[in-house]
């Protein structure tokens, strides 16, 4: 999966102690991508680290035609 850009204008995302800048950092640092459970709001999720070493999970929709990811929710993994 190749993420070309993040689509922030599609919807408001729910985050728990994670900023939009940290989500962007995590996607730039080669996270692990997985398919989400069926019948959920997001198709995929990514787990990775920010530059500060914070481990986060981001649920997102992936648009293969444009390579965009639309973050739906994100939270810190402790």
PDB file of N, CA and C in Angstrom:
ATOM      1  N   UNK A   1       0.847  -1.174   0.000  1.00  0.00           N
ATOM      2  CA  UNK A   1       0.000   0.000   0.000  1.00  0.00           C
ATOM      3  C   UNK A   1       0.889   1.232   0.000  1.00  0.00           C
ATOM      4  N   UNK A   2       0.568   2.159  -0.866  1.00  0.00           N
ATOM      5  CA  UNK A   2       1.352   3.387  -0.959  1.00  0.00           C
ATOM      6  C   UNK A   2       0.442   4.579  -0.681  1.00  0.00           C
ATOM      7  N   UNK A   3       0.751   5.322   0.355  1.00  0.00           N
ATOM      8  CA  UNK A   3      -0.017   6.511   0.731  1.00  0.00           C
ATOM      9  C   UNK A   3       0.671   7.723   0.095  1.00  0.00           C
ATOM     10  N   UNK A   4      -0.023   8.362  -0.845  1.00  0.00           N
ATOM     11  CA  UNK A   4       0.520   9.548  -1.509  1.00  0.00           C
ATOM     12  C   UNK A   4       0.265  10.815  -0.693  1.00  0.00           C
ATOM     13  N   UNK A   5      -0.931  10.891  -0.085  1.00  0.00           N
ATOM     14  CA  UNK A   5      -1.270  12.080   0.700  1.00  0.00           C
ATOM     15  C   UNK A   5      -2.364  11.738   1.706  1.00  0.00           C
ATOM     16  N   UNK A   6      -2.545  12.633   2.652  1.00  0.00           N
ATOM     17  CA  UNK A   6      -3.605  12.490   3.648  1.00  0.00           C
ATOM     18  C   UNK A   6      -4.709  13.479   3.321  1.00  0.00           C
ATOM     19  N   UNK A   7      -5.945  13.032   3.391  1.00  0.00           N
ATOM     20  CA  UNK A   7      -7.098  13.866   3.089  1.00  0.00           C
ATOM     21  C   UNK A   7      -7.743  14.294   4.409  1.00  0.00           C
ATOM     22  N   UNK A   8      -7.423  15.507   4.867  1.00  0.00           N
ATOM     23  CA  UNK A   8      -7.936  16.001   6.150  1.00  0.00           C
ATOM     24  C   UNK A   8      -9.289  16.672   6.008  1.00  0.00           C
ATOM     25  N   UNK A   9      -9.677  17.069   4.805  1.00  0.00           N
ATOM     26  CA  UNK A   9     -10.908  17.824   4.616  1.00  0.00           C
ATOM     27  C   UNK A   9     -12.148  16.935   4.514  1.00  0.00           C
ATOM     28  N   UNK A  10     -11.994  15.653   4.338  1.00  0.00           N
ATOM     29  CA  UNK A  10     -13.131  14.753   4.122  1.00  0.00           C
ATOM     30  C   UNK A  10     -14.039  14.671   5.348  1.00  0.00           C
ATOM     31  N   UNK A  11     -13.448  14.627   6.519  1.00  0.00           N
ATOM     32  CA  UNK A  11     -14.248  14.518   7.750  1.00  0.00           C
ATOM     33  C   UNK A  11     -13.394  14.932   8.939  1.00  0.00           C
ATOM     34  N   UNK A  12     -14.046  15.108  10.039  1.00  0.00           N
ATOM     35  CA  UNK A  12     -13.304  15.376  11.265  1.00  0.00           C
ATOM     36  C   UNK A  12     -12.929  14.042  11.876  1.00  0.00           C
ATOM     37  N   UNK A  13     -11.688  13.940  12.311  1.00  0.00           N
ATOM     38  CA  UNK A  13     -11.243  12.683  12.897  1.00  0.00           C
ATOM     39  C   UNK A  13     -11.233  12.789  14.418  1.00  0.00           C
ATOM     40  N   UNK A  14     -11.509  11.687  15.054  1.00  0.00           N
ATOM     41  CA  UNK A  14     -11.503  11.625  16.516  1.00  0.00           C
ATOM     42  C   UNK A  14     -10.136  11.136  16.974  1.00  0.00           C
ATOM     43  N   UNK A  15      -9.501  11.893  17.835  1.00  0.00           N
ATOM     44  CA  UNK A  15      -8.187  11.493  18.321  1.00  0.00           C
ATOM     45  C   UNK A  15      -8.158  11.504  19.842  1.00  0.00           C
ATOM     46  N   UNK A  16      -7.347  10.632  20.389  1.00  0.00           N
ATOM     47  CA  UNK A  16      -7.115  10.588  21.829  1.00  0.00           C
ATOM     48  C   UNK A  16      -5.627  10.831  22.064  1.00  0.00           C
ATOM     49  N   UNK A  17      -5.291  12.040  22.469  1.00  0.00           N
ATOM     50  CA  UNK A  17      -3.907  12.427  22.761  1.00  0.00           C
ATOM     51  C   UNK A  17      -2.978  12.299  21.544  1.00  0.00           C
ATOM     52  N   UNK A  18      -3.515  12.473  20.332  1.00  0.00           N
ATOM     53  CA  UNK A  18      -2.705  12.406  19.120  1.00  0.00           C
ATOM     54  C   UNK A  18      -3.060  13.611  18.246  1.00  0.00           C
ATOM     55  N   UNK A  19      -2.056  14.346  17.801  1.00  0.00           N
ATOM     56  CA  UNK A  19      -2.302  15.516  16.963  1.00  0.00           C
ATOM     57  C   UNK A  19      -2.221  15.134  15.477  1.00  0.00           C
ATOM     58  N   UNK A  20      -2.704  16.027  14.630  1.00  0.00           N
ATOM     59  CA  UNK A  20      -2.633  15.801  13.187  1.00  0.00           C
ATOM     60  C   UNK A  20      -1.182  15.731  12.722  1.00  0.00           C
ATOM     61  N   UNK A  21      -0.308  16.508  13.338  1.00  0.00           N
ATOM     62  CA  UNK A  21       1.114  16.474  12.978  1.00  0.00           C
ATOM     63  C   UNK A  21       1.733  15.114  13.315  1.00  0.00           C
ATOM     64  N   UNK A  22       1.331  14.529  14.434  1.00  0.00           N
ATOM     65  CA  UNK A  22       1.850  13.216  14.810  1.00  0.00           C
ATOM     66  C   UNK A  22       1.342  12.129  13.863  1.00  0.00           C
ATOM     67  N   UNK A  23       0.107  12.262  13.399  1.00  0.00           N
ATOM     68  CA  UNK A  23      -0.418  11.302  12.425  1.00  0.00           C
ATOM     69  C   UNK A  23       0.388  11.385  11.132  1.00  0.00           C
ATOM     70  N   UNK A  24       0.685  12.585  10.684  1.00  0.00           N
ATOM     71  CA  UNK A  24       1.484  12.778   9.478  1.00  0.00           C
ATOM     72  C   UNK A  24       2.878  12.188   9.650  1.00  0.00           C
ATOM     73  N   UNK A  25       3.513  12.422  10.793  1.00  0.00           N
ATOM     74  CA  UNK A  25       4.835  11.856  11.071  1.00  0.00           C
ATOM     75  C   UNK A  25       4.811  10.334  11.022  1.00  0.00           C
ATOM     76  N   UNK A  26       3.785   9.740  11.596  1.00  0.00           N
ATOM     77  CA  UNK A  26       3.688   8.288  11.637  1.00  0.00           C
ATOM     78  C   UNK A  26       3.583   7.710  10.222  1.00  0.00           C
ATOM     79  N   UNK A  27       2.779   8.344   9.354  1.00  0.00           N
ATOM     80  CA  UNK A  27       2.653   7.848   7.980  1.00  0.00           C
ATOM     81  C   UNK A  27       3.946   8.015   7.195  1.00  0.00           C
ATOM     82  N   UNK A  28       4.760   9.001   7.521  1.00  0.00           N
ATOM     83  CA  UNK A  28       6.027   9.223   6.825  1.00  0.00           C
ATOM     84  C   UNK A  28       7.111   8.247   7.260  1.00  0.00           C
ATOM     85  N   UNK A  29       6.927   7.579   8.390  1.00  0.00           N
ATOM     86  CA  UNK A  29       7.964   6.709   8.954  1.00  0.00           C
ATOM     87  C   UNK A  29       7.680   5.218   8.740  1.00  0.00           C
ATOM     88  N   UNK A  30       7.065   4.861   7.607  1.00  0.00           N
ATOM     89  CA  UNK A  30       6.814   3.471   7.231  1.00  0.00           C
ATOM     90  C   UNK A  30       6.120   2.649   8.327  1.00  0.00           C
ATOM     91  N   UNK A  31       4.860   2.919   8.574  1.00  0.00           N
ATOM     92  CA  UNK A  31       4.122   2.143   9.578  1.00  0.00           C
ATOM     93  C   UNK A  31       3.747   0.761   9.044  1.00  0.00           C
ATOM     94  N   UNK A  32       3.212  -0.066   9.915  1.00  0.00           N
ATOM     95  CA  UNK A  32       2.702  -1.379   9.538  1.00  0.00           C
ATOM     96  C   UNK A  32       1.222  -1.211   9.201  1.00  0.00           C
ATOM     97  N   UNK A  33       0.816  -1.661   8.010  1.00  0.00           N
ATOM     98  CA  UNK A  33      -0.570  -1.554   7.569  1.00  0.00           C
ATOM     99  C   UNK A  33      -1.275  -2.890   7.729  1.00  0.00           C
ATOM    100  N   UNK A  34      -2.519  -2.837   8.182  1.00  0.00           N
ATOM    101  CA  UNK A  34      -3.341  -4.037   8.343  1.00  0.00           C
ATOM    102  C   UNK A  34      -4.768  -3.724   7.908  1.00  0.00           C
ATOM    103  N   UNK A  35      -5.459  -4.751   7.490  1.00  0.00           N
ATOM    104  CA  UNK A  35      -6.877  -4.618   7.150  1.00  0.00           C
ATOM    105  C   UNK A  35      -7.669  -4.586   8.452  1.00  0.00           C
ATOM    106  N   UNK A  36      -8.648  -3.707   8.537  1.00  0.00           N
ATOM    107  CA  UNK A  36      -9.479  -3.590   9.736  1.00  0.00           C
ATOM    108  C   UNK A  36     -10.555  -4.673   9.721  1.00  0.00           C
ATOM    109  N   UNK A  37     -11.207  -4.866  10.845  1.00  0.00           N
ATOM    110  CA  UNK A  37     -12.312  -5.821  10.925  1.00  0.00           C
ATOM    111  C   UNK A  37     -13.433  -5.417   9.970  1.00  0.00           C
ATOM    112  N   UNK A  38     -14.215  -6.367   9.556  1.00  0.00           N
ATOM    113  CA  UNK A  38     -15.324  -6.094   8.643  1.00  0.00           C
ATOM    114  C   UNK A  38     -16.396  -5.241   9.316  1.00  0.00           C
ATOM    115  N   UNK A  39     -17.076  -4.478   8.485  1.00  0.00           N
ATOM    116  CA  UNK A  39     -18.215  -3.645   8.910  1.00  0.00           C
ATOM    117  C   UNK A  39     -17.818  -2.545   9.892  1.00  0.00           C
ATOM    118  N   UNK A  40     -16.615  -2.049   9.773  1.00  0.00           N
ATOM    119  CA  UNK A  40     -16.150  -0.920  10.594  1.00  0.00           C
ATOM    120  C   UNK A  40     -16.117   0.342   9.739  1.00  0.00           C
ATOM    121  N   UNK A  41     -15.996   1.482  10.369  1.00  0.00           N
ATOM    122  CA  UNK A  41     -15.967   2.753   9.637  1.00  0.00           C
ATOM    123  C   UNK A  41     -14.711   2.888   8.773  1.00  0.00           C
ATOM    124  N   UNK A  42     -13.598   2.325   9.221  1.00  0.00           N
ATOM    125  CA  UNK A  42     -12.341   2.414   8.489  1.00  0.00           C
ATOM    126  C   UNK A  42     -11.986   1.060   7.869  1.00  0.00           C
ATOM    127  N   UNK A  43     -11.425   1.104   6.663  1.00  0.00           N
ATOM    128  CA  UNK A  43     -11.034  -0.124   5.970  1.00  0.00           C
ATOM    129  C   UNK A  43      -9.717  -0.689   6.479  1.00  0.00           C
ATOM    130  N   UNK A  44      -8.796   0.204   6.843  1.00  0.00           N
ATOM    131  CA  UNK A  44      -7.445  -0.204   7.239  1.00  0.00           C
ATOM    132  C   UNK A  44      -7.038   0.507   8.517  1.00  0.00           C
ATOM    133  N   UNK A  45      -5.957   0.007   9.117  1.00  0.00           N
ATOM    134  CA  UNK A  45      -5.326   0.730  10.209  1.00  0.00           C
ATOM    135  C   UNK A  45      -3.818   0.632  10.053  1.00  0.00           C
ATOM    136  N   UNK A  46      -3.128   1.590  10.631  1.00  0.00           N
ATOM    137  CA  UNK A  46      -1.673   1.635  10.599  1.00  0.00           C
ATOM    138  C   UNK A  46      -1.167   1.817  12.021  1.00  0.00           C
ATOM    139  N   UNK A  47      -0.099   1.115  12.332  1.00  0.00           N
ATOM    140  CA  UNK A  47       0.557   1.260  13.629  1.00  0.00           C
ATOM    141  C   UNK A  47       2.001   1.666  13.360  1.00  0.00           C
ATOM    142  N   UNK A  48       2.416   2.731  14.022  1.00  0.00           N
ATOM    143  CA  UNK A  48       3.777   3.208  13.822  1.00  0.00           C
ATOM    144  C   UNK A  48       4.185   4.173  14.912  1.00  0.00           C
ATOM    145  N   UNK A  49       5.352   4.768  14.716  1.00  0.00           N
ATOM    146  CA  UNK A  49       5.946   5.658  15.712  1.00  0.00           C
ATOM    147  C   UNK A  49       6.096   7.068  15.148  1.00  0.00           C
ATOM    148  N   UNK A  50       5.940   8.046  16.027  1.00  0.00           N
ATOM    149  CA  UNK A  50       6.233   9.432  15.670  1.00  0.00           C
ATOM    150  C   UNK A  50       7.733   9.649  15.836  1.00  0.00           C
ATOM    151  N   UNK A  51       8.211  10.835  15.466  1.00  0.00           N
ATOM    152  CA  UNK A  51       9.639  11.123  15.625  1.00  0.00           C
ATOM    153  C   UNK A  51      10.034  11.197  17.096  1.00  0.00           C
ATOM    154  N   UNK A  52       9.061  11.463  17.978  1.00  0.00           N
ATOM    155  CA  UNK A  52       9.330  11.513  19.420  1.00  0.00           C
ATOM    156  C   UNK A  52       9.282  10.130  20.066  1.00  0.00           C
ATOM    157  N   UNK A  53       8.967   9.098  19.274  1.00  0.00           N
ATOM    158  CA  UNK A  53       8.936   7.741  19.815  1.00  0.00           C
ATOM    159  C   UNK A  53       7.587   7.302  20.344  1.00  0.00           C
ATOM    160  N   UNK A  54       6.553   8.075  20.121  1.00  0.00           N
ATOM    161  CA  UNK A  54       5.203   7.743  20.574  1.00  0.00           C
ATOM    162  C   UNK A  54       4.587   6.726  19.607  1.00  0.00           C
ATOM    163  N   UNK A  55       4.081   5.622  20.139  1.00  0.00           N
ATOM    164  CA  UNK A  55       3.471   4.586  19.307  1.00  0.00           C
ATOM    165  C   UNK A  55       1.979   4.881  19.178  1.00  0.00           C
ATOM    166  N   UNK A  56       1.498   5.003  17.927  1.00  0.00           N
ATOM    167  CA  UNK A  56       0.101   5.338  17.711  1.00  0.00           C
ATOM    168  C   UNK A  56      -0.542   4.398  16.684  1.00  0.00           C
ATOM    169  N   UNK A  57      -1.855   4.330  16.755  1.00  0.00           N
ATOM    170  CA  UNK A  57      -2.658   3.581  15.785  1.00  0.00           C
ATOM    171  C   UNK A  57      -3.607   4.563  15.126  1.00  0.00           C
ATOM    172  N   UNK A  58      -3.710   4.470  13.802  1.00  0.00           N
ATOM    173  CA  UNK A  58      -4.604   5.334  13.030  1.00  0.00           C
ATOM    174  C   UNK A  58      -5.497   4.455  12.169  1.00  0.00           C
ATOM    175  N   UNK A  59      -6.807   4.585  12.349  1.00  0.00           N
ATOM    176  CA  UNK A  59      -7.777   3.924  11.478  1.00  0.00           C
ATOM    177  C   UNK A  59      -8.076   4.884  10.339  1.00  0.00           C
ATOM    178  N   UNK A  60      -8.084   4.363   9.093  1.00  0.00           N
ATOM    179  CA  UNK A  60      -8.270   5.247   7.952  1.00  0.00           C
ATOM    180  C   UNK A  60      -8.949   4.546   6.791  1.00  0.00           C
ATOM    181  N   UNK A  61      -9.528   5.355   5.913  1.00  0.00           N
ATOM    182  CA  UNK A  61     -10.062   4.881   4.640  1.00  0.00           C
ATOM    183  C   UNK A  61      -8.969   5.065   3.602  1.00  0.00           C
ATOM    184  N   UNK A  62      -8.815   4.097   2.713  1.00  0.00           N
ATOM    185  CA  UNK A  62      -7.800   4.181   1.662  1.00  0.00           C
ATOM    186  C   UNK A  62      -8.499   4.287   0.316  1.00  0.00           C
ATOM    187  N   UNK A  63      -8.111   5.283  -0.458  1.00  0.00           N
ATOM    188  CA  UNK A  63      -8.660   5.493  -1.792  1.00  0.00           C
ATOM    189  C   UNK A  63      -7.586   5.110  -2.810  1.00  0.00           C
ATOM    190  N   UNK A  64      -7.621   3.898  -3.350  1.00  0.00           N
ATOM    191  CA  UNK A  64      -6.545   3.426  -4.230  1.00  0.00           C
ATOM    192  C   UNK A  64      -6.401   4.230  -5.524  1.00  0.00           C
ATOM    193  N   UNK A  65      -7.485   4.801  -6.028  1.00  0.00           N
ATOM    194  CA  UNK A  65      -7.402   5.563  -7.278  1.00  0.00           C
ATOM    195  C   UNK A  65      -6.508   6.798  -7.140  1.00  0.00           C
ATOM    196  N   UNK A  66      -6.538   7.428  -5.975  1.00  0.00           N
ATOM    197  CA  UNK A  66      -5.747   8.645  -5.755  1.00  0.00           C
ATOM    198  C   UNK A  66      -4.573   8.427  -4.809  1.00  0.00           C
ATOM    199  N   UNK A  67      -4.548   7.302  -4.103  1.00  0.00           N
ATOM    200  CA  UNK A  67      -3.481   7.042  -3.136  1.00  0.00           C
ATOM    201  C   UNK A  67      -3.648   7.820  -1.847  1.00  0.00           C
ATOM    202  N   UNK A  68      -4.852   8.339  -1.606  1.00  0.00           N
ATOM    203  CA  UNK A  68      -5.101   9.136  -0.403  1.00  0.00           C
ATOM    204  C   UNK A  68      -5.572   8.265   0.753  1.00  0.00           C
ATOM    205  N   UNK A  69      -5.216   8.698   1.941  1.00  0.00           N
ATOM    206  CA  UNK A  69      -5.703   8.078   3.174  1.00  0.00           C
ATOM    207  C   UNK A  69      -6.517   9.125   3.920  1.00  0.00           C
ATOM    208  N   UNK A  70      -7.709   8.734   4.393  1.00  0.00           N
ATOM    209  CA  UNK A  70      -8.558   9.625   5.176  1.00  0.00           C
ATOM    210  C   UNK A  70      -8.591   9.129   6.608  1.00  0.00           C
ATOM    211  N   UNK A  71      -7.850   9.754   7.501  1.00  0.00           N
ATOM    212  CA  UNK A  71      -7.865   9.329   8.912  1.00  0.00           C
ATOM    213  C   UNK A  71      -9.260   9.458   9.514  1.00  0.00           C
ATOM    214  N   UNK A  72      -9.687   8.405  10.198  1.00  0.00           N
ATOM    215  CA  UNK A  72     -10.993   8.398  10.853  1.00  0.00           C
ATOM    216  C   UNK A  72     -10.819   8.593  12.360  1.00  0.00           C
ATOM    217  N   UNK A  73      -9.895   7.829  12.948  1.00  0.00           N
ATOM    218  CA  UNK A  73      -9.623   7.950  14.376  1.00  0.00           C
ATOM    219  C   UNK A  73      -8.172   7.575  14.634  1.00  0.00           C
ATOM    220  N   UNK A  74      -7.662   8.052  15.773  1.00  0.00           N
ATOM    221  CA  UNK A  74      -6.270   7.756  16.141  1.00  0.00           C
ATOM    222  C   UNK A  74      -6.130   7.797  17.651  1.00  0.00           C
ATOM    223  N   UNK A  75      -5.231   6.971  18.171  1.00  0.00           N
ATOM    224  CA  UNK A  75      -4.963   6.994  19.597  1.00  0.00           C
ATOM    225  C   UNK A  75      -3.567   6.453  19.884  1.00  0.00           C
ATOM    226  N   UNK A  76      -3.090   6.793  21.052  1.00  0.00           N
ATOM    227  CA  UNK A  76      -1.766   6.349  21.504  1.00  0.00           C
ATOM    228  C   UNK A  76      -1.865   4.929  22.050  1.00  0.00           C
ATOM    229  N   UNK A  77      -0.902   4.108  21.701  1.00  0.00           N
ATOM    230  CA  UNK A  77      -0.827   2.738  22.231  1.00  0.00           C
ATOM    231  C   UNK A  77       0.195   2.747  23.349  1.00  0.00           C
ATOM    232  N   UNK A  78      -0.220   2.304  24.495  1.00  0.00           N
ATOM    233  CA  UNK A  78       0.709   2.287  25.636  1.00  0.00           C
ATOM    234  C   UNK A  78       1.164   0.907  25.940  1.00  0.00           C
TER     235      UNK A  78
END
